[in-house]
């Protein structure tokens, strides 16, 4: 078996390395392999030759698709909050003095804010970032 170096020269792969890794390390290597569609051997060689491979690895099975979906949900929650604020502003500026409507709008805004913070906290925990936004 052989591989090409940066200069294009072929080198024979003569040696086999075996190493024990933790579950976490194994998961990271295998995730990189899946994302880049390469073997663990190529990951190790890329690390040795280039100082590493470039792939984002998240804890707990979170991936870019999950983070994109979370971002879309958070954006939608913000839009809903803006709509509620606009309705409340119209109610206040037109002199609409319906305490039930105002109470319902305030409750909806509070519930939305709480949901957003819960979602952000769960997302932070899922990716291993314990800093709540």
C-alpha atoms as a PDB file:
ATOM      1  CA  UNK A   1       0.000   0.000   0.000  1.00  0.00           C
ATOM      2  CA  UNK A   2       1.245   3.526  -0.682  1.00  0.00           C
ATOM      3  CA  UNK A   3       0.266   7.151  -0.279  1.00  0.00           C
ATOM      4  CA  UNK A   4       1.351  10.400  -1.901  1.00  0.00           C
ATOM      5  CA  UNK A   5       3.212  13.109  -0.001  1.00  0.00           C
ATOM      6  CA  UNK A   6       2.667  16.836  -0.456  1.00  0.00           C
ATOM      7  CA  UNK A   7       5.370  16.893  -3.136  1.00  0.00           C
ATOM      8  CA  UNK A   8       3.547  14.136  -5.033  1.00  0.00           C
ATOM      9  CA  UNK A   9       6.153  11.504  -4.205  1.00  0.00           C
ATOM     10  CA  UNK A  10       4.763   8.057  -3.347  1.00  0.00           C
ATOM     11  CA  UNK A  11       5.613   6.521   0.012  1.00  0.00           C
ATOM     12  CA  UNK A  12       4.953   2.956   1.086  1.00  0.00           C
ATOM     13  CA  UNK A  13       2.786   2.442   4.161  1.00  0.00           C
ATOM     14  CA  UNK A  14       4.901  -0.118   6.041  1.00  0.00           C
ATOM     15  CA  UNK A  15       3.819   0.280   9.652  1.00  0.00           C
ATOM     16  CA  UNK A  16       0.610  -0.426  11.527  1.00  0.00           C
ATOM     17  CA  UNK A  17      -0.282   1.593  14.621  1.00  0.00           C
ATOM     18  CA  UNK A  18      -2.749   0.407  17.226  1.00  0.00           C
ATOM     19  CA  UNK A  19      -3.973   2.652  19.998  1.00  0.00           C
ATOM     20  CA  UNK A  20      -6.559   2.550  22.744  1.00  0.00           C
ATOM     21  CA  UNK A  21      -8.852   5.535  22.954  1.00  0.00           C
ATOM     22  CA  UNK A  22     -11.734   6.604  25.160  1.00  0.00           C
ATOM     23  CA  UNK A  23     -15.323   6.402  23.975  1.00  0.00           C
ATOM     24  CA  UNK A  24     -15.283  10.181  23.521  1.00  0.00           C
ATOM     25  CA  UNK A  25     -12.116  10.118  21.412  1.00  0.00           C
ATOM     26  CA  UNK A  26     -13.454   7.226  19.331  1.00  0.00           C
ATOM     27  CA  UNK A  27     -16.712   9.119  18.744  1.00  0.00           C
ATOM     28  CA  UNK A  28     -14.785  12.215  17.600  1.00  0.00           C
ATOM     29  CA  UNK A  29     -12.601  10.267  15.148  1.00  0.00           C
ATOM     30  CA  UNK A  30     -15.549   8.354  13.725  1.00  0.00           C
ATOM     31  CA  UNK A  31     -17.604  11.541  13.358  1.00  0.00           C
ATOM     32  CA  UNK A  32     -14.780  13.169  11.413  1.00  0.00           C
ATOM     33  CA  UNK A  33     -14.559  10.036   9.254  1.00  0.00           C
ATOM     34  CA  UNK A  34     -18.287  10.194   8.500  1.00  0.00           C
ATOM     35  CA  UNK A  35     -18.298  13.928   7.793  1.00  0.00           C
ATOM     36  CA  UNK A  36     -15.280  13.824   5.505  1.00  0.00           C
ATOM     37  CA  UNK A  37     -15.985  10.339   4.128  1.00  0.00           C
ATOM     38  CA  UNK A  38     -12.471   9.114   4.896  1.00  0.00           C
ATOM     39  CA  UNK A  39     -10.995   6.249   6.911  1.00  0.00           C
ATOM     40  CA  UNK A  40      -9.552   6.553  10.431  1.00  0.00           C
ATOM     41  CA  UNK A  41      -6.112   5.913   8.909  1.00  0.00           C
ATOM     42  CA  UNK A  42      -6.473   8.945   6.648  1.00  0.00           C
ATOM     43  CA  UNK A  43      -7.599  11.051   9.621  1.00  0.00           C
ATOM     44  CA  UNK A  44      -4.443  10.095  11.518  1.00  0.00           C
ATOM     45  CA  UNK A  45      -2.206  10.711   8.496  1.00  0.00           C
ATOM     46  CA  UNK A  46      -3.845  14.106   7.878  1.00  0.00           C
ATOM     47  CA  UNK A  47      -3.249  15.008  11.503  1.00  0.00           C
ATOM     48  CA  UNK A  48       0.410  14.038  11.255  1.00  0.00           C
ATOM     49  CA  UNK A  49       1.002  15.645   7.845  1.00  0.00           C
ATOM     50  CA  UNK A  50      -1.097  18.778   8.132  1.00  0.00           C
ATOM     51  CA  UNK A  51      -1.433  19.253  11.868  1.00  0.00           C
ATOM     52  CA  UNK A  52      -5.058  18.211  11.852  1.00  0.00           C
ATOM     53  CA  UNK A  53      -8.223  17.818   9.886  1.00  0.00           C
ATOM     54  CA  UNK A  54     -10.962  20.408   9.652  1.00  0.00           C
ATOM     55  CA  UNK A  55     -14.340  19.112  10.763  1.00  0.00           C
ATOM     56  CA  UNK A  56     -16.669  20.340  13.469  1.00  0.00           C
ATOM     57  CA  UNK A  57     -17.450  17.692  16.057  1.00  0.00           C
ATOM     58  CA  UNK A  58     -20.190  18.331  18.606  1.00  0.00           C
ATOM     59  CA  UNK A  59     -20.883  16.359  21.759  1.00  0.00           C
ATOM     60  CA  UNK A  60     -24.029  14.257  22.249  1.00  0.00           C
ATOM     61  CA  UNK A  61     -24.700  13.639  18.560  1.00  0.00           C
ATOM     62  CA  UNK A  62     -25.480  17.291  17.769  1.00  0.00           C
ATOM     63  CA  UNK A  63     -24.570  18.252  14.217  1.00  0.00           C
ATOM     64  CA  UNK A  64     -24.723  21.287  11.936  1.00  0.00           C
ATOM     65  CA  UNK A  65     -28.211  20.345  10.742  1.00  0.00           C
ATOM     66  CA  UNK A  66     -29.500  20.303  14.339  1.00  0.00           C
ATOM     67  CA  UNK A  67     -27.905  23.678  15.074  1.00  0.00           C
ATOM     68  CA  UNK A  68     -29.384  25.147  11.889  1.00  0.00           C
ATOM     69  CA  UNK A  69     -32.828  23.919  12.896  1.00  0.00           C
ATOM     70  CA  UNK A  70     -32.432  25.379  16.396  1.00  0.00           C
ATOM     71  CA  UNK A  71     -31.370  28.693  14.880  1.00  0.00           C
ATOM     72  CA  UNK A  72     -34.459  28.716  12.648  1.00  0.00           C
ATOM     73  CA  UNK A  73     -36.718  28.015  15.641  1.00  0.00           C
ATOM     74  CA  UNK A  74     -35.121  30.794  17.685  1.00  0.00           C
ATOM     75  CA  UNK A  75     -35.475  33.218  14.761  1.00  0.00           C
ATOM     76  CA  UNK A  76     -39.159  32.336  14.447  1.00  0.00           C
ATOM     77  CA  UNK A  77     -39.695  32.843  18.190  1.00  0.00           C
ATOM     78  CA  UNK A  78     -38.100  36.292  17.910  1.00  0.00           C
ATOM     79  CA  UNK A  79     -40.428  37.176  15.013  1.00  0.00           C
ATOM     80  CA  UNK A  80     -43.473  36.103  17.018  1.00  0.00           C
ATOM     81  CA  UNK A  81     -42.262  38.248  19.911  1.00  0.00           C
ATOM     82  CA  UNK A  82     -41.896  41.240  17.578  1.00  0.00           C
ATOM     83  CA  UNK A  83     -45.466  40.708  16.331  1.00  0.00           C
ATOM     84  CA  UNK A  84     -46.796  40.623  19.885  1.00  0.00           C
ATOM     85  CA  UNK A  85     -44.902  43.831  20.692  1.00  0.00           C
ATOM     86  CA  UNK A  86     -46.354  45.536  17.596  1.00  0.00           C
ATOM     87  CA  UNK A  87     -49.891  44.534  18.578  1.00  0.00           C
ATOM     88  CA  UNK A  88     -49.298  45.847  22.107  1.00  0.00           C
ATOM     89  CA  UNK A  89     -47.885  49.123  20.730  1.00  0.00           C
ATOM     90  CA  UNK A  90     -50.982  49.644  18.541  1.00  0.00           C
ATOM     91  CA  UNK A  91     -53.233  48.871  21.501  1.00  0.00           C
ATOM     92  CA  UNK A  92     -51.393  51.414  23.655  1.00  0.00           C
ATOM     93  CA  UNK A  93     -51.178  54.209  21.027  1.00  0.00           C
ATOM     94  CA  UNK A  94     -54.794  53.981  19.862  1.00  0.00           C
ATOM     95  CA  UNK A  95     -56.068  54.277  23.397  1.00  0.00           C
ATOM     96  CA  UNK A  96     -57.501  50.779  23.345  1.00  0.00           C
ATOM     97  CA  UNK A  97     -57.975  50.326  27.028  1.00  0.00           C
ATOM     98  CA  UNK A  98     -58.953  46.669  27.185  1.00  0.00           C
ATOM     99  CA  UNK A  99     -57.213  45.268  30.278  1.00  0.00           C
ATOM    100  CA  UNK A 100     -57.963  41.669  29.237  1.00  0.00           C
ATOM    101  CA  UNK A 101     -56.298  42.141  25.831  1.00  0.00           C
ATOM    102  CA  UNK A 102     -53.269  43.830  27.372  1.00  0.00           C
ATOM    103  CA  UNK A 103     -52.994  41.097  30.020  1.00  0.00           C
ATOM    104  CA  UNK A 104     -53.203  38.395  27.335  1.00  0.00           C
ATOM    105  CA  UNK A 105     -50.525  40.103  25.233  1.00  0.00           C
ATOM    106  CA  UNK A 106     -48.204  40.445  28.222  1.00  0.00           C
ATOM    107  CA  UNK A 107     -48.758  36.790  29.151  1.00  0.00           C
ATOM    108  CA  UNK A 108     -48.092  35.661  25.565  1.00  0.00           C
ATOM    109  CA  UNK A 109     -44.884  37.685  25.468  1.00  0.00           C
ATOM    110  CA  UNK A 110     -43.750  36.307  28.845  1.00  0.00           C
ATOM    111  CA  UNK A 111     -44.498  32.717  27.753  1.00  0.00           C
ATOM    112  CA  UNK A 112     -42.625  33.253  24.489  1.00  0.00           C
ATOM    113  CA  UNK A 113     -39.604  34.708  26.269  1.00  0.00           C
ATOM    114  CA  UNK A 114     -39.567  31.801  28.721  1.00  0.00           C
ATOM    115  CA  UNK A 115     -39.809  29.265  25.863  1.00  0.00           C
ATOM    116  CA  UNK A 116     -36.942  30.945  24.034  1.00  0.00           C
ATOM    117  CA  UNK A 117     -34.721  30.853  27.129  1.00  0.00           C
ATOM    118  CA  UNK A 118     -35.575  27.188  27.802  1.00  0.00           C
ATOM    119  CA  UNK A 119     -34.744  26.322  24.194  1.00  0.00           C
ATOM    120  CA  UNK A 120     -31.443  28.196  24.349  1.00  0.00           C
ATOM    121  CA  UNK A 121     -30.536  26.504  27.624  1.00  0.00           C
ATOM    122  CA  UNK A 122     -31.322  23.034  26.271  1.00  0.00           C
ATOM    123  CA  UNK A 123     -29.380  23.771  23.093  1.00  0.00           C
ATOM    124  CA  UNK A 124     -26.389  24.963  25.139  1.00  0.00           C
ATOM    125  CA  UNK A 125     -26.489  21.785  27.227  1.00  0.00           C
ATOM    126  CA  UNK A 126     -26.773  19.622  24.113  1.00  0.00           C
ATOM    127  CA  UNK A 127     -23.636  21.014  22.520  1.00  0.00           C
ATOM    128  CA  UNK A 128     -21.677  21.020  25.737  1.00  0.00           C
ATOM    129  CA  UNK A 129     -21.726  24.781  26.178  1.00  0.00           C
ATOM    130  CA  UNK A 130     -23.144  25.420  29.633  1.00  0.00           C
ATOM    131  CA  UNK A 131     -23.364  29.187  29.170  1.00  0.00           C
ATOM    132  CA  UNK A 132     -27.036  30.094  28.834  1.00  0.00           C
ATOM    133  CA  UNK A 133     -27.812  32.936  26.417  1.00  0.00           C
END
